[in-house]
Amino acid sequence: MANWTQSELDAIGDAEELRIRSRRADDTLCRPVTIWVVRVDDALYVRAVGGPESPWFRGTQTRHEGHISAGGVERDVTFASVDPSLHDAIDRAYRTKYAAQPVQYVDPCVTPQAQAATLELIPS
């Protein structure tokens, strides 16, 4: 398994937005969706504010593979489930990173629904 480089973690973690594309069963990539991304220590996380029924999140569950683009970094990734014990740290990361954003955009990122649709991005 590959690891993020420090420069990739910094670039993606500092990026305001991330473009995510899941891989379909036929090996093609879905169209990109722009979402927020946060870094906690040396890991990167994304959440679907609409929860597990969000179309882009459901797409990640087909093959658990895809491609991301953020901060000048392009990488194939694996989408991994997240241990619920990490939710508080990820919530804090969203609130800290996006503190300048209107609260009506940040609050949906830290709901139980969004927590249930949290993925770690693991480089392939």
N, C-alpha and C. Protein backbone atom coordinates (compact mmCIF):
# COMPACT_ATOMS: atom_id res chain seq x y z
N MET A 1 0.84 -1.17 0.00
CA MET A 1 0.00 0.00 0.00
C MET A 1 0.89 1.24 0.00
N ALA A 2 0.53 2.20 -0.82
CA ALA A 2 1.27 3.46 -0.91
C ALA A 2 0.93 4.36 0.28
N ASN A 3 1.79 5.31 0.52
CA ASN A 3 1.56 6.30 1.56
C ASN A 3 1.53 7.69 0.94
N TRP A 4 0.86 8.62 1.61
CA TRP A 4 0.92 10.01 1.19
C TRP A 4 2.30 10.55 1.49
N THR A 5 2.82 11.39 0.60
CA THR A 5 4.04 12.11 0.93
C THR A 5 3.65 13.31 1.79
N GLN A 6 4.62 13.87 2.48
CA GLN A 6 4.33 15.04 3.31
C GLN A 6 3.81 16.19 2.45
N SER A 7 4.38 16.36 1.26
CA SER A 7 3.94 17.47 0.40
C SER A 7 2.52 17.22 -0.11
N GLU A 8 2.15 15.97 -0.38
CA GLU A 8 0.77 15.67 -0.78
C GLU A 8 -0.20 15.94 0.36
N LEU A 9 0.14 15.49 1.57
CA LEU A 9 -0.71 15.74 2.73
C LEU A 9 -0.91 17.24 2.94
N ASP A 10 0.17 18.00 2.83
CA ASP A 10 0.08 19.45 3.02
C ASP A 10 -0.78 20.08 1.94
N ALA A 11 -0.54 19.72 0.68
CA ALA A 11 -1.27 20.33 -0.44
C ALA A 11 -2.76 20.00 -0.39
N ILE A 12 -3.08 18.73 -0.18
CA ILE A 12 -4.49 18.33 -0.14
C ILE A 12 -5.15 18.84 1.13
N GLY A 13 -4.47 18.71 2.25
CA GLY A 13 -5.02 19.18 3.52
C GLY A 13 -5.28 20.67 3.54
N ASP A 14 -4.47 21.44 2.83
CA ASP A 14 -4.65 22.90 2.78
C ASP A 14 -5.62 23.34 1.70
N ALA A 15 -5.93 22.46 0.75
CA ALA A 15 -6.84 22.83 -0.35
C ALA A 15 -8.24 23.10 0.19
N GLU A 16 -8.87 24.12 -0.32
CA GLU A 16 -10.25 24.45 0.09
C GLU A 16 -11.23 23.37 -0.33
N GLU A 17 -11.01 22.83 -1.54
CA GLU A 17 -11.93 21.83 -2.08
C GLU A 17 -11.15 20.69 -2.74
N LEU A 18 -11.84 19.59 -2.90
CA LEU A 18 -11.29 18.40 -3.52
C LEU A 18 -12.29 17.92 -4.56
N ARG A 19 -11.77 17.46 -5.68
CA ARG A 19 -12.63 16.84 -6.70
C ARG A 19 -12.46 15.33 -6.57
N ILE A 20 -13.58 14.64 -6.41
CA ILE A 20 -13.57 13.20 -6.17
C ILE A 20 -14.32 12.50 -7.30
N ARG A 21 -13.75 11.39 -7.74
CA ARG A 21 -14.38 10.57 -8.78
C ARG A 21 -14.29 9.11 -8.34
N SER A 22 -15.42 8.45 -8.26
CA SER A 22 -15.40 7.03 -7.91
C SER A 22 -15.26 6.21 -9.19
N ARG A 23 -14.78 4.98 -9.04
CA ARG A 23 -14.59 4.08 -10.17
C ARG A 23 -15.79 3.14 -10.26
N ARG A 24 -16.36 3.08 -11.45
CA ARG A 24 -17.51 2.21 -11.70
C ARG A 24 -17.06 0.76 -11.85
N ALA A 25 -18.03 -0.15 -11.86
CA ALA A 25 -17.74 -1.58 -12.03
C ALA A 25 -17.03 -1.85 -13.34
N ASP A 26 -17.30 -1.04 -14.38
CA ASP A 26 -16.65 -1.26 -15.68
C ASP A 26 -15.29 -0.57 -15.77
N ASP A 27 -14.76 -0.08 -14.67
CA ASP A 27 -13.44 0.53 -14.54
C ASP A 27 -13.37 1.97 -15.03
N THR A 28 -14.47 2.56 -15.45
CA THR A 28 -14.47 3.98 -15.82
C THR A 28 -14.71 4.83 -14.58
N LEU A 29 -14.30 6.08 -14.66
CA LEU A 29 -14.50 6.99 -13.54
C LEU A 29 -15.80 7.76 -13.71
N CYS A 30 -16.51 7.96 -12.60
CA CYS A 30 -17.71 8.79 -12.59
C CYS A 30 -17.29 10.24 -12.80
N ARG A 31 -18.26 11.07 -13.09
CA ARG A 31 -17.93 12.49 -13.26
C ARG A 31 -17.51 13.05 -11.90
N PRO A 32 -16.64 14.06 -11.90
CA PRO A 32 -16.13 14.59 -10.63
C PRO A 32 -17.19 15.36 -9.85
N VAL A 33 -17.05 15.26 -8.54
CA VAL A 33 -17.89 16.00 -7.60
C VAL A 33 -16.94 16.80 -6.71
N THR A 34 -17.26 18.05 -6.48
CA THR A 34 -16.42 18.91 -5.64
C THR A 34 -16.95 18.87 -4.21
N ILE A 35 -16.05 18.55 -3.27
CA ILE A 35 -16.40 18.42 -1.86
C ILE A 35 -15.29 19.02 -1.01
N TRP A 36 -15.51 19.07 0.29
CA TRP A 36 -14.48 19.52 1.23
C TRP A 36 -13.68 18.32 1.71
N VAL A 37 -12.46 18.57 2.10
CA VAL A 37 -11.55 17.55 2.60
C VAL A 37 -10.85 18.08 3.84
N VAL A 38 -10.61 17.20 4.81
CA VAL A 38 -9.86 17.60 6.00
C VAL A 38 -8.74 16.61 6.27
N ARG A 39 -7.77 17.11 6.98
CA ARG A 39 -6.62 16.30 7.39
C ARG A 39 -6.63 16.18 8.91
N VAL A 40 -6.42 14.96 9.39
CA VAL A 40 -6.22 14.71 10.81
C VAL A 40 -4.94 13.89 10.90
N ASP A 41 -3.91 14.48 11.49
CA ASP A 41 -2.58 13.87 11.55
C ASP A 41 -2.12 13.58 10.12
N ASP A 42 -1.82 12.34 9.80
CA ASP A 42 -1.34 11.99 8.45
C ASP A 42 -2.39 11.25 7.65
N ALA A 43 -3.64 11.60 7.87
CA ALA A 43 -4.74 10.97 7.12
C ALA A 43 -5.67 12.06 6.57
N LEU A 44 -6.31 11.74 5.45
CA LEU A 44 -7.23 12.66 4.78
C LEU A 44 -8.62 12.05 4.78
N TYR A 45 -9.63 12.90 5.07
CA TYR A 45 -11.00 12.43 5.19
C TYR A 45 -11.97 13.29 4.39
N VAL A 46 -13.01 12.66 3.90
CA VAL A 46 -14.11 13.35 3.23
C VAL A 46 -15.41 12.83 3.80
N ARG A 47 -16.46 13.65 3.68
CA ARG A 47 -17.78 13.27 4.17
C ARG A 47 -18.85 13.68 3.16
N ALA A 48 -19.88 12.88 3.10
CA ALA A 48 -21.06 13.23 2.31
C ALA A 48 -22.07 13.83 3.27
N VAL A 49 -22.36 15.12 3.13
CA VAL A 49 -23.28 15.76 4.06
C VAL A 49 -24.68 15.16 3.95
N GLY A 50 -25.01 14.58 2.81
CA GLY A 50 -26.31 13.93 2.64
C GLY A 50 -26.35 12.53 3.21
N GLY A 51 -25.24 12.08 3.78
CA GLY A 51 -25.19 10.76 4.39
C GLY A 51 -24.93 9.65 3.37
N PRO A 52 -25.09 8.42 3.81
CA PRO A 52 -24.79 7.27 2.97
C PRO A 52 -25.64 7.16 1.70
N GLU A 53 -26.73 7.89 1.63
CA GLU A 53 -27.57 7.85 0.42
C GLU A 53 -27.14 8.86 -0.63
N SER A 54 -26.14 9.70 -0.32
CA SER A 54 -25.65 10.67 -1.31
C SER A 54 -25.13 9.92 -2.53
N PRO A 55 -25.48 10.38 -3.73
CA PRO A 55 -25.05 9.67 -4.94
C PRO A 55 -23.53 9.47 -5.03
N TRP A 56 -22.74 10.50 -4.72
CA TRP A 56 -21.30 10.30 -4.87
C TRP A 56 -20.78 9.30 -3.85
N PHE A 57 -21.36 9.30 -2.64
CA PHE A 57 -20.92 8.34 -1.62
C PHE A 57 -21.29 6.92 -2.05
N ARG A 58 -22.50 6.73 -2.54
CA ARG A 58 -22.91 5.40 -3.01
C ARG A 58 -21.97 4.91 -4.11
N GLY A 59 -21.53 5.83 -4.97
CA GLY A 59 -20.59 5.46 -6.02
C GLY A 59 -19.28 4.92 -5.48
N THR A 60 -18.84 5.44 -4.35
CA THR A 60 -17.58 4.96 -3.77
C THR A 60 -17.71 3.55 -3.23
N GLN A 61 -18.93 3.10 -3.01
CA GLN A 61 -19.15 1.79 -2.41
C GLN A 61 -19.16 0.65 -3.43
N THR A 62 -19.13 0.98 -4.71
CA THR A 62 -19.13 -0.05 -5.75
C THR A 62 -17.80 -0.79 -5.76
N ARG A 63 -16.71 -0.04 -5.89
CA ARG A 63 -15.39 -0.67 -5.95
C ARG A 63 -14.44 -0.16 -4.87
N HIS A 64 -14.86 0.84 -4.14
CA HIS A 64 -14.02 1.46 -3.10
C HIS A 64 -12.73 2.01 -3.70
N GLU A 65 -12.79 2.40 -4.97
CA GLU A 65 -11.63 2.96 -5.66
C GLU A 65 -12.06 4.20 -6.42
N GLY A 66 -11.10 5.10 -6.65
CA GLY A 66 -11.41 6.28 -7.42
C GLY A 66 -10.19 7.14 -7.63
N HIS A 67 -10.45 8.42 -7.88
CA HIS A 67 -9.39 9.37 -8.18
C HIS A 67 -9.76 10.70 -7.52
N ILE A 68 -8.74 11.37 -6.99
CA ILE A 68 -8.97 12.68 -6.38
C ILE A 68 -8.01 13.71 -6.98
N SER A 69 -8.44 14.95 -6.89
CA SER A 69 -7.62 16.07 -7.34
C SER A 69 -7.84 17.21 -6.36
N ALA A 70 -6.74 17.71 -5.79
CA ALA A 70 -6.81 18.84 -4.84
C ALA A 70 -5.42 19.41 -4.64
N GLY A 71 -5.34 20.72 -4.55
CA GLY A 71 -4.07 21.36 -4.24
C GLY A 71 -2.96 21.04 -5.22
N GLY A 72 -3.32 20.76 -6.47
CA GLY A 72 -2.33 20.41 -7.47
C GLY A 72 -1.91 18.95 -7.45
N VAL A 73 -2.53 18.16 -6.60
CA VAL A 73 -2.22 16.73 -6.49
C VAL A 73 -3.31 15.93 -7.18
N GLU A 74 -2.91 14.98 -8.01
CA GLU A 74 -3.82 14.02 -8.65
C GLU A 74 -3.38 12.64 -8.18
N ARG A 75 -4.32 11.87 -7.60
CA ARG A 75 -3.96 10.53 -7.13
C ARG A 75 -5.14 9.58 -7.25
N ASP A 76 -4.83 8.34 -7.60
CA ASP A 76 -5.80 7.27 -7.45
C ASP A 76 -5.85 6.94 -5.97
N VAL A 77 -7.04 6.61 -5.49
CA VAL A 77 -7.21 6.34 -4.06
C VAL A 77 -8.13 5.15 -3.84
N THR A 78 -8.02 4.63 -2.64
CA THR A 78 -8.97 3.66 -2.11
C THR A 78 -9.80 4.39 -1.08
N PHE A 79 -11.11 4.12 -1.07
CA PHE A 79 -12.01 4.72 -0.09
C PHE A 79 -12.20 3.72 1.04
N ALA A 80 -11.78 4.09 2.25
CA ALA A 80 -11.84 3.19 3.39
C ALA A 80 -12.82 3.70 4.44
N SER A 81 -13.49 2.77 5.08
CA SER A 81 -14.38 3.12 6.20
C SER A 81 -13.56 3.69 7.34
N VAL A 82 -14.22 4.44 8.21
CA VAL A 82 -13.54 5.12 9.30
C VAL A 82 -14.08 4.61 10.63
N ASP A 83 -13.17 4.37 11.55
CA ASP A 83 -13.55 3.97 12.90
C ASP A 83 -14.33 5.12 13.54
N PRO A 84 -15.51 4.86 14.07
CA PRO A 84 -16.31 5.93 14.70
C PRO A 84 -15.59 6.69 15.80
N SER A 85 -14.57 6.11 16.40
CA SER A 85 -13.84 6.83 17.45
C SER A 85 -13.09 8.04 16.89
N LEU A 86 -12.95 8.13 15.58
CA LEU A 86 -12.28 9.27 14.95
C LEU A 86 -13.21 10.43 14.63
N HIS A 87 -14.52 10.22 14.77
CA HIS A 87 -15.47 11.25 14.36
C HIS A 87 -15.27 12.58 15.06
N ASP A 88 -14.99 12.57 16.35
CA ASP A 88 -14.80 13.84 17.06
C ASP A 88 -13.62 14.62 16.50
N ALA A 89 -12.52 13.94 16.23
CA ALA A 89 -11.33 14.62 15.67
C ALA A 89 -11.63 15.14 14.27
N ILE A 90 -12.36 14.38 13.48
CA ILE A 90 -12.72 14.82 12.13
C ILE A 90 -13.69 16.00 12.20
N ASP A 91 -14.64 15.94 13.12
CA ASP A 91 -15.55 17.08 13.33
C ASP A 91 -14.75 18.35 13.64
N ARG A 92 -13.79 18.24 14.56
CA ARG A 92 -12.96 19.40 14.92
C ARG A 92 -12.19 19.91 13.71
N ALA A 93 -11.70 19.01 12.90
CA ALA A 93 -10.95 19.41 11.71
C ALA A 93 -11.84 20.20 10.74
N TYR A 94 -13.08 19.75 10.55
CA TYR A 94 -14.01 20.49 9.69
C TYR A 94 -14.30 21.87 10.27
N ARG A 95 -14.59 21.93 11.56
CA ARG A 95 -14.93 23.21 12.18
C ARG A 95 -13.73 24.18 12.15
N THR A 96 -12.54 23.66 12.32
CA THR A 96 -11.34 24.50 12.31
C THR A 96 -11.00 24.97 10.89
N LYS A 97 -10.91 24.04 9.98
CA LYS A 97 -10.50 24.38 8.62
C LYS A 97 -11.50 25.33 7.95
N TYR A 98 -12.78 25.07 8.15
CA TYR A 98 -13.81 25.84 7.45
C TYR A 98 -14.49 26.87 8.36
N ALA A 99 -13.77 27.33 9.38
CA ALA A 99 -14.34 28.30 10.34
C ALA A 99 -14.78 29.59 9.67
N ALA A 100 -14.15 29.98 8.58
CA ALA A 100 -14.51 31.22 7.90
C ALA A 100 -15.74 31.06 7.00
N GLN A 101 -16.18 29.84 6.82
CA GLN A 101 -17.37 29.58 5.99
C GLN A 101 -18.63 29.81 6.82
N PRO A 102 -19.73 30.14 6.17
CA PRO A 102 -20.99 30.30 6.92
C PRO A 102 -21.35 29.00 7.66
N VAL A 103 -21.85 29.17 8.87
CA VAL A 103 -22.17 28.02 9.72
C VAL A 103 -23.16 27.06 9.05
N GLN A 104 -24.05 27.59 8.20
CA GLN A 104 -25.03 26.71 7.55
C GLN A 104 -24.37 25.74 6.57
N TYR A 105 -23.10 25.99 6.20
CA TYR A 105 -22.38 25.05 5.34
C TYR A 105 -21.52 24.08 6.16
N VAL A 106 -21.06 24.54 7.31
CA VAL A 106 -20.18 23.71 8.14
C VAL A 106 -20.97 22.74 9.00
N ASP A 107 -22.05 23.21 9.62
CA ASP A 107 -22.82 22.34 10.52
C ASP A 107 -23.26 21.02 9.88
N PRO A 108 -23.69 21.00 8.62
CA PRO A 108 -24.09 19.72 8.03
C PRO A 108 -22.93 18.71 7.91
N CYS A 109 -21.70 19.20 7.98
CA CYS A 109 -20.53 18.31 7.88
C CYS A 109 -20.26 17.54 9.16
N VAL A 110 -20.89 17.93 10.25
CA VAL A 110 -20.59 17.32 11.54
C VAL A 110 -21.82 16.68 12.19
N THR A 111 -22.79 16.32 11.36
CA THR A 111 -23.99 15.65 11.85
C THR A 111 -23.78 14.14 11.88
N PRO A 112 -24.59 13.41 12.64
CA PRO A 112 -24.51 11.95 12.60
C PRO A 112 -24.68 11.38 11.19
N GLN A 113 -25.51 12.04 10.39
CA GLN A 113 -25.72 11.59 9.01
C GLN A 113 -24.41 11.69 8.21
N ALA A 114 -23.71 12.81 8.32
CA ALA A 114 -22.44 12.98 7.62
C ALA A 114 -21.37 12.06 8.20
N GLN A 115 -21.36 11.91 9.52
CA GLN A 115 -20.40 11.00 10.14
C GLN A 115 -20.53 9.59 9.59
N ALA A 116 -21.77 9.18 9.31
CA ALA A 116 -22.02 7.82 8.79
C ALA A 116 -21.52 7.67 7.36
N ALA A 117 -21.19 8.78 6.72
CA ALA A 117 -20.69 8.75 5.34
C ALA A 117 -19.30 9.37 5.28
N THR A 118 -18.45 8.99 6.22
CA THR A 118 -17.07 9.47 6.29
C THR A 118 -16.16 8.41 5.69
N LEU A 119 -15.25 8.89 4.85
CA LEU A 119 -14.28 7.99 4.21
C LEU A 119 -12.86 8.52 4.41
N GLU A 120 -11.94 7.61 4.63
CA GLU A 120 -10.53 7.96 4.57
C GLU A 120 -10.06 7.75 3.14
N LEU A 121 -9.23 8.67 2.67
CA LEU A 121 -8.64 8.56 1.34
C LEU A 121 -7.25 7.94 1.50
N ILE A 122 -7.06 6.79 0.89
CA ILE A 122 -5.79 6.08 0.99
C ILE A 122 -5.18 6.02 -0.41
N PRO A 123 -3.95 6.53 -0.58
CA PRO A 123 -3.37 6.53 -1.92
C PRO A 123 -3.15 5.12 -2.44
N SER A 124 -3.41 4.96 -3.74
CA SER A 124 -3.22 3.64 -4.36
C SER A 124 -1.86 3.56 -5.02
